[in-house]
């Protein structure tokens, strides 16, 4: 089930990247990918607040998931020269905090988008 959805997400991201190329702000890619995924009929949310809960303290602000597909798949968009460990840690944290099973880290600042895709699985789910 998830493989087909992630395949469609990646296909939509490649479509956006082919049309726009690298060099734009993350927000532009986010809006276009949101539109593409909506047109495919997916349940979709953007800028989803991800609270942090520590003991009896709940922090409602500070963390936002770029896109959440079918309330299961976290999409984190970047426009960076290359991924760093911080980018991986960020998406893994979102997945852990929200108990989401899958995540995709997409870097639109690459010549070919296929070189800017990382898939993550939440092993704590």
PDB file of N, CA and C in Angstrom:
ATOM      1  N   UNK A   1       0.828  -1.196   0.000  1.00  0.00           N
ATOM      2  CA  UNK A   1       0.000   0.000   0.000  1.00  0.00           C
ATOM      3  C   UNK A   1       0.873   1.261   0.000  1.00  0.00           C
ATOM      4  N   UNK A   2       1.815   1.348   0.931  1.00  0.00           N
ATOM      5  CA  UNK A   2       2.667   2.529   1.025  1.00  0.00           C
ATOM      6  C   UNK A   2       3.580   2.669  -0.180  1.00  0.00           C
ATOM      7  N   UNK A   3       4.015   1.554  -0.753  1.00  0.00           N
ATOM      8  CA  UNK A   3       4.914   1.632  -1.906  1.00  0.00           C
ATOM      9  C   UNK A   3       4.264   2.357  -3.073  1.00  0.00           C
ATOM     10  N   UNK A   4       2.994   2.097  -3.327  1.00  0.00           N
ATOM     11  CA  UNK A   4       2.288   2.752  -4.435  1.00  0.00           C
ATOM     12  C   UNK A   4       2.130   4.249  -4.164  1.00  0.00           C
ATOM     13  N   UNK A   5       1.811   4.583  -2.914  1.00  0.00           N
ATOM     14  CA  UNK A   5       1.651   5.999  -2.571  1.00  0.00           C
ATOM     15  C   UNK A   5       2.982   6.730  -2.708  1.00  0.00           C
ATOM     16  N   UNK A   6       4.052   6.145  -2.165  1.00  0.00           N
ATOM     17  CA  UNK A   6       5.357   6.825  -2.265  1.00  0.00           C
ATOM     18  C   UNK A   6       5.810   6.917  -3.718  1.00  0.00           C
ATOM     19  N   UNK A   7       5.492   5.914  -4.497  1.00  0.00           N
ATOM     20  CA  UNK A   7       5.813   5.953  -5.936  1.00  0.00           C
ATOM     21  C   UNK A   7       5.097   7.131  -6.601  1.00  0.00           C
ATOM     22  N   UNK A   8       3.832   7.331  -6.251  1.00  0.00           N
ATOM     23  CA  UNK A   8       3.062   8.443  -6.816  1.00  0.00           C
ATOM     24  C   UNK A   8       3.568   9.799  -6.320  1.00  0.00           C
ATOM     25  N   UNK A   9       3.973   9.861  -5.056  1.00  0.00           N
ATOM     26  CA  UNK A   9       4.517  11.106  -4.508  1.00  0.00           C
ATOM     27  C   UNK A   9       5.803  11.472  -5.253  1.00  0.00           C
ATOM     28  N   UNK A  10       6.683  10.494  -5.420  1.00  0.00           N
ATOM     29  CA  UNK A  10       7.946  10.735  -6.119  1.00  0.00           C
ATOM     30  C   UNK A  10       7.683  11.135  -7.573  1.00  0.00           C
ATOM     31  N   UNK A  11       6.741  10.474  -8.211  1.00  0.00           N
ATOM     32  CA  UNK A  11       6.382  10.830  -9.593  1.00  0.00           C
ATOM     33  C   UNK A  11       5.874  12.261  -9.686  1.00  0.00           C
ATOM     34  N   UNK A  12       5.048  12.664  -8.731  1.00  0.00           N
ATOM     35  CA  UNK A  12       4.522  14.031  -8.723  1.00  0.00           C
ATOM     36  C   UNK A  12       5.648  15.040  -8.463  1.00  0.00           C
ATOM     37  N   UNK A  13       6.565  14.688  -7.558  1.00  0.00           N
ATOM     38  CA  UNK A  13       7.698  15.578  -7.262  1.00  0.00           C
ATOM     39  C   UNK A  13       8.592  15.737  -8.487  1.00  0.00           C
ATOM     40  N   UNK A  14       8.813  14.651  -9.199  1.00  0.00           N
ATOM     41  CA  UNK A  14       9.618  14.714 -10.426  1.00  0.00           C
ATOM     42  C   UNK A  14       8.916  15.592 -11.468  1.00  0.00           C
ATOM     43  N   UNK A  15       7.626  15.489 -11.559  1.00  0.00           N
ATOM     44  CA  UNK A  15       6.849  16.319 -12.483  1.00  0.00           C
ATOM     45  C   UNK A  15       7.035  17.807 -12.164  1.00  0.00           C
ATOM     46  N   UNK A  16       6.950  18.133 -10.876  1.00  0.00           N
ATOM     47  CA  UNK A  16       7.143  19.520 -10.440  1.00  0.00           C
ATOM     48  C   UNK A  16       8.567  19.979 -10.762  1.00  0.00           C
ATOM     49  N   UNK A  17       9.528  19.127 -10.468  1.00  0.00           N
ATOM     50  CA  UNK A  17      10.935  19.484 -10.694  1.00  0.00           C
ATOM     51  C   UNK A  17      11.234  19.665 -12.184  1.00  0.00           C
ATOM     52  N   UNK A  18      10.667  18.821 -13.015  1.00  0.00           N
ATOM     53  CA  UNK A  18      10.861  18.948 -14.468  1.00  0.00           C
ATOM     54  C   UNK A  18      10.315  20.283 -14.967  1.00  0.00           C
ATOM     55  N   UNK A  19       9.172  20.684 -14.419  1.00  0.00           N
ATOM     56  CA  UNK A  19       8.541  21.924 -14.870  1.00  0.00           C
ATOM     57  C   UNK A  19       9.262  23.169 -14.354  1.00  0.00           C
ATOM     58  N   UNK A  20       9.735  23.127 -13.113  1.00  0.00           N
ATOM     59  CA  UNK A  20      10.304  24.320 -12.491  1.00  0.00           C
ATOM     60  C   UNK A  20      11.825  24.348 -12.438  1.00  0.00           C
ATOM     61  N   UNK A  21      12.440  23.162 -12.375  1.00  0.00           N
ATOM     62  CA  UNK A  21      13.889  23.087 -12.230  1.00  0.00           C
ATOM     63  C   UNK A  21      14.332  23.518 -10.845  1.00  0.00           C
ATOM     64  N   UNK A  22      15.633  23.470 -10.585  1.00  0.00           N
ATOM     65  CA  UNK A  22      16.152  23.910  -9.292  1.00  0.00           C
ATOM     66  C   UNK A  22      16.221  25.434  -9.226  1.00  0.00           C
ATOM     67  N   UNK A  23      16.394  25.967  -8.012  1.00  0.00           N
ATOM     68  CA  UNK A  23      16.645  27.383  -7.865  1.00  0.00           C
ATOM     69  C   UNK A  23      15.546  28.199  -7.221  1.00  0.00           C
ATOM     70  N   UNK A  24      14.386  27.603  -6.982  1.00  0.00           N
ATOM     71  CA  UNK A  24      13.293  28.351  -6.359  1.00  0.00           C
ATOM     72  C   UNK A  24      13.294  28.132  -4.846  1.00  0.00           C
ATOM     73  N   UNK A  25      12.453  28.872  -4.159  1.00  0.00           N
ATOM     74  CA  UNK A  25      12.286  28.686  -2.732  1.00  0.00           C
ATOM     75  C   UNK A  25      11.507  27.398  -2.451  1.00  0.00           C
ATOM     76  N   UNK A  26      11.760  26.834  -1.293  1.00  0.00           N
ATOM     77  CA  UNK A  26      11.078  25.612  -0.858  1.00  0.00           C
ATOM     78  C   UNK A  26       9.553  25.761  -0.935  1.00  0.00           C
ATOM     79  N   UNK A  27       9.057  26.932  -0.563  1.00  0.00           N
ATOM     80  CA  UNK A  27       7.606  27.164  -0.537  1.00  0.00           C
ATOM     81  C   UNK A  27       6.963  27.016  -1.921  1.00  0.00           C
ATOM     82  N   UNK A  28       7.683  27.372  -2.971  1.00  0.00           N
ATOM     83  CA  UNK A  28       7.139  27.230  -4.329  1.00  0.00           C
ATOM     84  C   UNK A  28       6.958  25.759  -4.673  1.00  0.00           C
ATOM     85  N   UNK A  29       7.959  24.948  -4.354  1.00  0.00           N
ATOM     86  CA  UNK A  29       7.853  23.510  -4.615  1.00  0.00           C
ATOM     87  C   UNK A  29       6.755  22.882  -3.763  1.00  0.00           C
ATOM     88  N   UNK A  30       6.635  23.360  -2.537  1.00  0.00           N
ATOM     89  CA  UNK A  30       5.608  22.830  -1.637  1.00  0.00           C
ATOM     90  C   UNK A  30       4.215  23.053  -2.222  1.00  0.00           C
ATOM     91  N   UNK A  31       3.939  24.277  -2.678  1.00  0.00           N
ATOM     92  CA  UNK A  31       2.617  24.589  -3.243  1.00  0.00           C
ATOM     93  C   UNK A  31       2.334  23.753  -4.490  1.00  0.00           C
ATOM     94  N   UNK A  32       3.326  23.621  -5.352  1.00  0.00           N
ATOM     95  CA  UNK A  32       3.131  22.870  -6.597  1.00  0.00           C
ATOM     96  C   UNK A  32       2.962  21.372  -6.325  1.00  0.00           C
ATOM     97  N   UNK A  33       3.747  20.837  -5.404  1.00  0.00           N
ATOM     98  CA  UNK A  33       3.612  19.415  -5.068  1.00  0.00           C
ATOM     99  C   UNK A  33       2.273  19.165  -4.382  1.00  0.00           C
ATOM    100  N   UNK A  34       1.841  20.079  -3.527  1.00  0.00           N
ATOM    101  CA  UNK A  34       0.526  19.980  -2.896  1.00  0.00           C
ATOM    102  C   UNK A  34      -0.558  19.884  -3.970  1.00  0.00           C
ATOM    103  N   UNK A  35      -0.478  20.756  -4.970  1.00  0.00           N
ATOM    104  CA  UNK A  35      -1.452  20.763  -6.069  1.00  0.00           C
ATOM    105  C   UNK A  35      -1.426  19.425  -6.830  1.00  0.00           C
ATOM    106  N   UNK A  36      -0.239  18.940  -7.154  1.00  0.00           N
ATOM    107  CA  UNK A  36      -0.118  17.671  -7.893  1.00  0.00           C
ATOM    108  C   UNK A  36      -0.723  16.507  -7.109  1.00  0.00           C
ATOM    109  N   UNK A  37      -0.418  16.442  -5.821  1.00  0.00           N
ATOM    110  CA  UNK A  37      -0.918  15.326  -5.003  1.00  0.00           C
ATOM    111  C   UNK A  37      -2.421  15.420  -4.776  1.00  0.00           C
ATOM    112  N   UNK A  38      -2.940  16.639  -4.625  1.00  0.00           N
ATOM    113  CA  UNK A  38      -4.390  16.833  -4.516  1.00  0.00           C
ATOM    114  C   UNK A  38      -5.083  16.344  -5.784  1.00  0.00           C
ATOM    115  N   UNK A  39      -4.482  16.636  -6.939  1.00  0.00           N
ATOM    116  CA  UNK A  39      -5.087  16.227  -8.210  1.00  0.00           C
ATOM    117  C   UNK A  39      -5.095  14.707  -8.367  1.00  0.00           C
ATOM    118  N   UNK A  40      -4.213  14.019  -7.627  1.00  0.00           N
ATOM    119  CA  UNK A  40      -4.209  12.555  -7.642  1.00  0.00           C
ATOM    120  C   UNK A  40      -5.213  11.967  -6.648  1.00  0.00           C
ATOM    121  N   UNK A  41      -5.865  12.842  -5.875  1.00  0.00           N
ATOM    122  CA  UNK A  41      -6.919  12.402  -4.969  1.00  0.00           C
ATOM    123  C   UNK A  41      -6.461  12.039  -3.561  1.00  0.00           C
ATOM    124  N   UNK A  42      -5.269  12.407  -3.200  1.00  0.00           N
ATOM    125  CA  UNK A  42      -4.765  12.071  -1.864  1.00  0.00           C
ATOM    126  C   UNK A  42      -5.277  13.043  -0.806  1.00  0.00           C
ATOM    127  N   UNK A  43      -5.502  12.500   0.381  1.00  0.00           N
ATOM    128  CA  UNK A  43      -5.774  13.312   1.557  1.00  0.00           C
ATOM    129  C   UNK A  43      -4.447  13.961   1.933  1.00  0.00           C
ATOM    130  N   UNK A  44      -4.449  15.270   2.102  1.00  0.00           N
ATOM    131  CA  UNK A  44      -3.197  15.995   2.199  1.00  0.00           C
ATOM    132  C   UNK A  44      -3.322  17.185   3.140  1.00  0.00           C
ATOM    133  N   UNK A  45      -2.278  17.394   3.932  1.00  0.00           N
ATOM    134  CA  UNK A  45      -2.198  18.572   4.805  1.00  0.00           C
ATOM    135  C   UNK A  45      -0.825  19.186   4.612  1.00  0.00           C
ATOM    136  N   UNK A  46      -0.763  20.519   4.760  1.00  0.00           N
ATOM    137  CA  UNK A  46       0.547  21.174   4.689  1.00  0.00           C
ATOM    138  C   UNK A  46       0.778  21.985   5.950  1.00  0.00           C
ATOM    139  N   UNK A  47       2.080  22.188   6.254  1.00  0.00           N
ATOM    140  CA  UNK A  47       2.486  22.942   7.439  1.00  0.00           C
ATOM    141  C   UNK A  47       1.797  22.403   8.698  1.00  0.00           C
ATOM    142  N   UNK A  48       1.848  21.091   8.876  1.00  0.00           N
ATOM    143  CA  UNK A  48       1.202  20.429  10.005  1.00  0.00           C
ATOM    144  C   UNK A  48       2.040  20.654  11.267  1.00  0.00           C
ATOM    145  N   UNK A  49       1.420  21.262  12.268  1.00  0.00           N
ATOM    146  CA  UNK A  49       2.108  21.503  13.529  1.00  0.00           C
ATOM    147  C   UNK A  49       2.369  20.164  14.210  1.00  0.00           C
ATOM    148  N   UNK A  50       3.622  19.939  14.566  1.00  0.00           N
ATOM    149  CA  UNK A  50       4.011  18.705  15.254  1.00  0.00           C
ATOM    150  C   UNK A  50       4.435  19.083  16.679  1.00  0.00           C
ATOM    151  N   UNK A  51       3.545  18.856  17.656  1.00  0.00           N
ATOM    152  CA  UNK A  51       3.905  19.213  19.024  1.00  0.00           C
ATOM    153  C   UNK A  51       4.993  18.301  19.589  1.00  0.00           C
ATOM    154  N   UNK A  52       5.713  18.848  20.536  1.00  0.00           N
ATOM    155  CA  UNK A  52       6.707  18.080  21.274  1.00  0.00           C
ATOM    156  C   UNK A  52       6.175  17.932  22.691  1.00  0.00           C
ATOM    157  N   UNK A  53       6.118  16.705  23.173  1.00  0.00           N
ATOM    158  CA  UNK A  53       5.641  16.460  24.530  1.00  0.00           C
ATOM    159  C   UNK A  53       6.791  15.889  25.347  1.00  0.00           C
ATOM    160  N   UNK A  54       7.079  16.580  26.435  1.00  0.00           N
ATOM    161  CA  UNK A  54       8.124  16.147  27.349  1.00  0.00           C
ATOM    162  C   UNK A  54       7.512  16.111  28.739  1.00  0.00           C
ATOM    163  N   UNK A  55       7.386  14.899  29.286  1.00  0.00           N
ATOM    164  CA  UNK A  55       6.738  14.699  30.590  1.00  0.00           C
ATOM    165  C   UNK A  55       5.367  15.350  30.548  1.00  0.00           C
ATOM    166  N   UNK A  56       5.119  16.391  31.331  1.00  0.00           N
ATOM    167  CA  UNK A  56       3.796  17.025  31.328  1.00  0.00           C
ATOM    168  C   UNK A  56       3.788  18.363  30.592  1.00  0.00           C
ATOM    169  N   UNK A  57       4.811  18.595  29.771  1.00  0.00           N
ATOM    170  CA  UNK A  57       4.915  19.842  29.019  1.00  0.00           C
ATOM    171  C   UNK A  57       4.631  19.565  27.543  1.00  0.00           C
ATOM    172  N   UNK A  58       3.745  20.351  26.963  1.00  0.00           N
ATOM    173  CA  UNK A  58       3.440  20.222  25.540  1.00  0.00           C
ATOM    174  C   UNK A  58       3.810  21.524  24.842  1.00  0.00           C
ATOM    175  N   UNK A  59       4.739  21.433  23.897  1.00  0.00           N
ATOM    176  CA  UNK A  59       5.152  22.580  23.094  1.00  0.00           C
ATOM    177  C   UNK A  59       4.463  22.477  21.739  1.00  0.00           C
ATOM    178  N   UNK A  60       3.506  23.366  21.487  1.00  0.00           N
ATOM    179  CA  UNK A  60       2.700  23.282  20.269  1.00  0.00           C
ATOM    180  C   UNK A  60       3.326  23.957  19.057  1.00  0.00           C
ATOM    181  N   UNK A  61       4.414  24.651  19.249  1.00  0.00           N
ATOM    182  CA  UNK A  61       4.941  25.425  18.133  1.00  0.00           C
ATOM    183  C   UNK A  61       6.409  25.100  17.885  1.00  0.00           C
ATOM    184  N   UNK A  62       6.843  25.534  16.756  1.00  0.00           N
ATOM    185  CA  UNK A  62       8.257  25.352  16.443  1.00  0.00           C
ATOM    186  C   UNK A  62       8.520  24.289  15.392  1.00  0.00           C
ATOM    187  N   UNK A  63       7.686  23.276  15.338  1.00  0.00           N
ATOM    188  CA  UNK A  63       7.920  22.203  14.378  1.00  0.00           C
ATOM    189  C   UNK A  63       6.727  22.084  13.448  1.00  0.00           C
ATOM    190  N   UNK A  64       7.011  22.072  12.157  1.00  0.00           N
ATOM    191  CA  UNK A  64       5.945  21.950  11.153  1.00  0.00           C
ATOM    192  C   UNK A  64       6.384  20.968  10.069  1.00  0.00           C
ATOM    193  N   UNK A  65       5.522  20.028   9.808  1.00  0.00           N
ATOM    194  CA  UNK A  65       5.744  19.059   8.735  1.00  0.00           C
ATOM    195  C   UNK A  65       5.322  19.737   7.438  1.00  0.00           C
ATOM    196  N   UNK A  66       6.194  19.730   6.430  1.00  0.00           N
ATOM    197  CA  UNK A  66       5.871  20.397   5.164  1.00  0.00           C
ATOM    198  C   UNK A  66       4.588  19.851   4.554  1.00  0.00           C
ATOM    199  N   UNK A  67       4.538  18.539   4.326  1.00  0.00           N
ATOM    200  CA  UNK A  67       3.340  17.896   3.785  1.00  0.00           C
ATOM    201  C   UNK A  67       3.124  16.564   4.491  1.00  0.00           C
ATOM    202  N   UNK A  68       1.865  16.242   4.732  1.00  0.00           N
ATOM    203  CA  UNK A  68       1.495  14.958   5.319  1.00  0.00           C
ATOM    204  C   UNK A  68       0.460  14.316   4.399  1.00  0.00           C
ATOM    205  N   UNK A  69       0.785  13.158   3.868  1.00  0.00           N
ATOM    206  CA  UNK A  69      -0.074  12.476   2.896  1.00  0.00           C
ATOM    207  C   UNK A  69      -0.784  11.315   3.573  1.00  0.00           C
ATOM    208  N   UNK A  70      -2.109  11.283   3.414  1.00  0.00           N
ATOM    209  CA  UNK A  70      -2.942  10.212   3.959  1.00  0.00           C
ATOM    210  C   UNK A  70      -2.735  10.016   5.466  1.00  0.00           C
ATOM    211  N   UNK A  71      -2.361  11.085   6.153  1.00  0.00           N
ATOM    212  CA  UNK A  71      -2.077  11.035   7.597  1.00  0.00           C
ATOM    213  C   UNK A  71      -1.067   9.964   7.963  1.00  0.00           C
ATOM    214  N   UNK A  72      -0.196   9.603   7.031  1.00  0.00           N
ATOM    215  CA  UNK A  72       0.771   8.523   7.252  1.00  0.00           C
ATOM    216  C   UNK A  72       2.182   8.850   6.779  1.00  0.00           C
ATOM    217  N   UNK A  73       2.305   9.593   5.696  1.00  0.00           N
ATOM    218  CA  UNK A  73       3.611   9.789   5.064  1.00  0.00           C
ATOM    219  C   UNK A  73       4.044  11.246   5.188  1.00  0.00           C
ATOM    220  N   UNK A  74       5.163  11.449   5.865  1.00  0.00           N
ATOM    221  CA  UNK A  74       5.736  12.773   6.067  1.00  0.00           C
ATOM    222  C   UNK A  74       6.598  13.122   4.852  1.00  0.00           C
ATOM    223  N   UNK A  75       6.382  14.308   4.312  1.00  0.00           N
ATOM    224  CA  UNK A  75       7.231  14.797   3.229  1.00  0.00           C
ATOM    225  C   UNK A  75       7.912  16.060   3.718  1.00  0.00           C
ATOM    226  N   UNK A  76       9.223  16.019   3.714  1.00  0.00           N
ATOM    227  CA  UNK A  76      10.020  17.180   4.103  1.00  0.00           C
ATOM    228  C   UNK A  76      10.761  17.658   2.856  1.00  0.00           C
ATOM    229  N   UNK A  77      10.538  18.915   2.489  1.00  0.00           N
ATOM    230  CA  UNK A  77      11.126  19.483   1.289  1.00  0.00           C
ATOM    231  C   UNK A  77      12.336  20.339   1.646  1.00  0.00           C
ATOM    232  N   UNK A  78      13.356  20.243   0.822  1.00  0.00           N
ATOM    233  CA  UNK A  78      14.567  21.033   1.005  1.00  0.00           C
ATOM    234  C   UNK A  78      14.998  21.626  -0.326  1.00  0.00           C
ATOM    235  N   UNK A  79      15.713  22.727  -0.240  1.00  0.00           N
ATOM    236  CA  UNK A  79      16.400  23.311  -1.399  1.00  0.00           C
ATOM    237  C   UNK A  79      17.818  23.628  -0.913  1.00  0.00           C
ATOM    238  N   UNK A  80      18.610  22.580  -0.806  1.00  0.00           N
ATOM    239  CA  UNK A  80      19.972  22.685  -0.260  1.00  0.00           C
ATOM    240  C   UNK A  80      20.968  22.064  -1.231  1.00  0.00           C
ATOM    241  N   UNK A  81      22.237  22.394  -1.045  1.00  0.00           N
ATOM    242  CA  UNK A  81      23.273  21.839  -1.912  1.00  0.00           C
ATOM    243  C   UNK A  81      23.344  20.319  -1.775  1.00  0.00           C
ATOM    244  N   UNK A  82      23.266  19.850  -0.529  1.00  0.00           N
ATOM    245  CA  UNK A  82      23.226  18.401  -0.285  1.00  0.00           C
ATOM    246  C   UNK A  82      22.605  18.149   1.075  1.00  0.00           C
ATOM    247  N   UNK A  83      22.085  16.949   1.268  1.00  0.00           N
ATOM    248  CA  UNK A  83      21.520  16.565   2.547  1.00  0.00           C
ATOM    249  C   UNK A  83      22.617  16.465   3.590  1.00  0.00           C
ATOM    250  N   UNK A  84      22.251  16.781   4.826  1.00  0.00           N
ATOM    251  CA  UNK A  84      23.155  16.589   5.952  1.00  0.00           C
ATOM    252  C   UNK A  84      22.472  15.675   6.967  1.00  0.00           C
ATOM    253  N   UNK A  85      23.222  15.290   7.979  1.00  0.00           N
ATOM    254  CA  UNK A  85      22.649  14.452   9.038  1.00  0.00           C
ATOM    255  C   UNK A  85      21.501  15.160   9.752  1.00  0.00           C
ATOM    256  N   UNK A  86      21.554  16.484   9.810  1.00  0.00           N
ATOM    257  CA  UNK A  86      20.485  17.252  10.457  1.00  0.00           C
ATOM    258  C   UNK A  86      19.161  17.072   9.711  1.00  0.00           C
ATOM    259  N   UNK A  87      19.203  17.040   8.398  1.00  0.00           N
ATOM    260  CA  UNK A  87      17.981  16.850   7.610  1.00  0.00           C
ATOM    261  C   UNK A  87      17.364  15.484   7.899  1.00  0.00           C
ATOM    262  N   UNK A  88      18.188  14.460   7.957  1.00  0.00           N
ATOM    263  CA  UNK A  88      17.697  13.112   8.271  1.00  0.00           C
ATOM    264  C   UNK A  88      17.129  13.075   9.682  1.00  0.00           C
ATOM    265  N   UNK A  89      17.828  13.685  10.628  1.00  0.00           N
ATOM    266  CA  UNK A  89      17.361  13.707  12.017  1.00  0.00           C
ATOM    267  C   UNK A  89      16.016  14.420  12.126  1.00  0.00           C
ATOM    268  N   UNK A  90      15.857  15.491  11.370  1.00  0.00           N
ATOM    269  CA  UNK A  90      14.609  16.254  11.406  1.00  0.00           C
ATOM    270  C   UNK A  90      13.420  15.400  10.987  1.00  0.00           C
ATOM    271  N   UNK A  91      13.512  14.741   9.843  1.00  0.00           N
ATOM    272  CA  UNK A  91      12.368  13.956   9.376  1.00  0.00           C
ATOM    273  C   UNK A  91      12.133  12.745  10.277  1.00  0.00           C
ATOM    274  N   UNK A  92      13.194  12.131  10.760  1.00  0.00           N
ATOM    275  CA  UNK A  92      13.031  10.994  11.680  1.00  0.00           C
ATOM    276  C   UNK A  92      12.361  11.430  12.979  1.00  0.00           C
ATOM    277  N   UNK A  93      12.668  12.625  13.450  1.00  0.00           N
ATOM    278  CA  UNK A  93      12.025  13.148  14.658  1.00  0.00           C
ATOM    279  C   UNK A  93      10.543  13.382  14.417  1.00  0.00           C
ATOM    280  N   UNK A  94      10.191  13.999  13.289  1.00  0.00           N
ATOM    281  CA  UNK A  94       8.777  14.206  12.961  1.00  0.00           C
ATOM    282  C   UNK A  94       8.032  12.874  12.914  1.00  0.00           C
ATOM    283  N   UNK A  95       8.644  11.886  12.291  1.00  0.00           N
ATOM    284  CA  UNK A  95       8.009  10.576  12.170  1.00  0.00           C
ATOM    285  C   UNK A  95       7.819   9.937  13.538  1.00  0.00           C
ATOM    286  N   UNK A  96       8.814  10.052  14.381  1.00  0.00           N
ATOM    287  CA  UNK A  96       8.741   9.474  15.722  1.00  0.00           C
ATOM    288  C   UNK A  96       7.682  10.184  16.567  1.00  0.00           C
ATOM    289  N   UNK A  97       7.712  11.522  16.585  1.00  0.00           N
ATOM    290  CA  UNK A  97       6.768  12.290  17.395  1.00  0.00           C
ATOM    291  C   UNK A  97       5.321  12.051  16.984  1.00  0.00           C
ATOM    292  N   UNK A  98       5.081  11.926  15.671  1.00  0.00           N
ATOM    293  CA  UNK A  98       3.724  11.714  15.173  1.00  0.00           C
ATOM    294  C   UNK A  98       3.361  10.266  14.948  1.00  0.00           C
ATOM    295  N   UNK A  99       4.308   9.378  15.205  1.00  0.00           N
ATOM    296  CA  UNK A  99       4.127   7.946  14.972  1.00  0.00           C
ATOM    297  C   UNK A  99       3.706   7.660  13.527  1.00  0.00           C
ATOM    298  N   UNK A 100       4.384   8.334  12.596  1.00  0.00           N
ATOM    299  CA  UNK A 100       4.122   8.134  11.176  1.00  0.00           C
ATOM    300  C   UNK A 100       5.043   7.046  10.646  1.00  0.00           C
ATOM    301  N   UNK A 101       4.527   6.141   9.819  1.00  0.00           N
ATOM    302  CA  UNK A 101       5.325   4.994   9.364  1.00  0.00           C
ATOM    303  C   UNK A 101       6.393   5.307   8.318  1.00  0.00           C
ATOM    304  N   UNK A 102       6.155   6.304   7.461  1.00  0.00           N
ATOM    305  CA  UNK A 102       7.082   6.584   6.358  1.00  0.00           C
ATOM    306  C   UNK A 102       7.359   8.071   6.208  1.00  0.00           C
ATOM    307  N   UNK A 103       8.525   8.344   5.634  1.00  0.00           N
ATOM    308  CA  UNK A 103       8.874   9.721   5.344  1.00  0.00           C
ATOM    309  C   UNK A 103       9.690   9.813   4.070  1.00  0.00           C
ATOM    310  N   UNK A 104       9.533  10.917   3.374  1.00  0.00           N
ATOM    311  CA  UNK A 104      10.322  11.202   2.178  1.00  0.00           C
ATOM    312  C   UNK A 104      10.979  12.561   2.343  1.00  0.00           C
ATOM    313  N   UNK A 105      12.274  12.587   2.166  1.00  0.00           N
ATOM    314  CA  UNK A 105      13.051  13.817   2.177  1.00  0.00           C
ATOM    315  C   UNK A 105      13.377  14.127   0.723  1.00  0.00           C
ATOM    316  N   UNK A 106      12.916  15.278   0.240  1.00  0.00           N
ATOM    317  CA  UNK A 106      13.065  15.637  -1.171  1.00  0.00           C
ATOM    318  C   UNK A 106      13.863  16.930  -1.294  1.00  0.00           C
ATOM    319  N   UNK A 107      14.949  16.894  -2.043  1.00  0.00           N
ATOM    320  CA  UNK A 107      15.783  18.068  -2.273  1.00  0.00           C
ATOM    321  C   UNK A 107      15.604  18.548  -3.710  1.00  0.00           C
ATOM    322  N   UNK A 108      14.941  19.692  -3.861  1.00  0.00           N
ATOM    323  CA  UNK A 108      14.665  20.231  -5.187  1.00  0.00           C
ATOM    324  C   UNK A 108      15.827  21.044  -5.763  1.00  0.00           C
ATOM    325  N   UNK A 109      16.933  21.125  -5.039  1.00  0.00           N
ATOM    326  CA  UNK A 109      18.077  21.905  -5.501  1.00  0.00           C
ATOM    327  C   UNK A 109      19.070  21.031  -6.275  1.00  0.00           C
ATOM    328  N   UNK A 110      18.619  19.920  -6.808  1.00  0.00           N
ATOM    329  CA  UNK A 110      19.482  19.015  -7.561  1.00  0.00           C
ATOM    330  C   UNK A 110      19.169  19.117  -9.049  1.00  0.00           C
ATOM    331  N   UNK A 111      20.153  18.749  -9.865  1.00  0.00           N
ATOM    332  CA  UNK A 111      19.940  18.760 -11.313  1.00  0.00           C
ATOM    333  C   UNK A 111      18.873  17.734 -11.692  1.00  0.00           C
ATOM    334  N   UNK A 112      18.984  16.527 -11.123  1.00  0.00           N
ATOM    335  CA  UNK A 112      17.983  15.480 -11.310  1.00  0.00           C
ATOM    336  C   UNK A 112      17.383  15.151  -9.949  1.00  0.00           C
ATOM    337  N   UNK A 113      16.070  15.242  -9.837  1.00  0.00           N
ATOM    338  CA  UNK A 113      15.438  15.025  -8.533  1.00  0.00           C
ATOM    339  C   UNK A 113      15.704  13.638  -7.975  1.00  0.00           C
ATOM    340  N   UNK A 114      15.858  12.641  -8.844  1.00  0.00           N
ATOM    341  CA  UNK A 114      16.097  11.280  -8.360  1.00  0.00           C
ATOM    342  C   UNK A 114      17.346  11.207  -7.479  1.00  0.00           C
ATOM    343  N   UNK A 115      18.264  12.176  -7.637  1.00  0.00           N
ATOM    344  CA  UNK A 115      19.468  12.232  -6.800  1.00  0.00           C
ATOM    345  C   UNK A 115      19.224  12.977  -5.497  1.00  0.00           C
ATOM    346  N   UNK A 116      18.022  13.474  -5.300  1.00  0.00           N
ATOM    347  CA  UNK A 116      17.683  14.234  -4.104  1.00  0.00           C
ATOM    348  C   UNK A 116      16.512  13.640  -3.350  1.00  0.00           C
ATOM    349  N   UNK A 117      16.441  12.309  -3.320  1.00  0.00           N
ATOM    350  CA  UNK A 117      15.331  11.631  -2.640  1.00  0.00           C
ATOM    351  C   UNK A 117      15.882  10.650  -1.617  1.00  0.00           C
ATOM    352  N   UNK A 118      15.347  10.731  -0.395  1.00  0.00           N
ATOM    353  CA  UNK A 118      15.671   9.753   0.638  1.00  0.00           C
ATOM    354  C   UNK A 118      14.360   9.272   1.252  1.00  0.00           C
ATOM    355  N   UNK A 119      14.244   7.970   1.412  1.00  0.00           N
ATOM    356  CA  UNK A 119      13.044   7.360   2.004  1.00  0.00           C
ATOM    357  C   UNK A 119      13.404   6.860   3.392  1.00  0.00           C
ATOM    358  N   UNK A 120      12.502   7.100   4.341  1.00  0.00           N
ATOM    359  CA  UNK A 120      12.722   6.697   5.731  1.00  0.00           C
ATOM    360  C   UNK A 120      11.569   5.843   6.226  1.00  0.00           C
ATOM    361  N   UNK A 121      11.897   4.879   7.063  1.00  0.00           N
ATOM    362  CA  UNK A 121      10.898   4.013   7.686  1.00  0.00           C
ATOM    363  C   UNK A 121      11.009   4.192   9.192  1.00  0.00           C
ATOM    364  N   UNK A 122       9.874   4.386   9.841  1.00  0.00           N
ATOM    365  CA  UNK A 122       9.853   4.532  11.289  1.00  0.00           C
ATOM    366  C   UNK A 122       9.894   3.143  11.926  1.00  0.00           C
ATOM    367  N   UNK A 123      11.021   2.806  12.484  1.00  0.00           N
ATOM    368  CA  UNK A 123      11.183   1.480  13.101  1.00  0.00           C
ATOM    369  C   UNK A 123      10.594   1.441  14.504  1.00  0.00           C
ATOM    370  N   UNK A 124      10.146   2.610  15.028  1.00  0.00           N
ATOM    371  CA  UNK A 124       9.546   2.664  16.355  1.00  0.00           C
ATOM    372  C   UNK A 124       8.047   2.567  16.314  1.00  0.00           C
ATOM    373  N   UNK A 125       7.479   2.478  15.122  1.00  0.00           N
ATOM    374  CA  UNK A 125       6.027   2.459  14.990  1.00  0.00           C
ATOM    375  C   UNK A 125       5.456   1.196  15.564  1.00  0.00           C
TER     376      UNK A 125
END
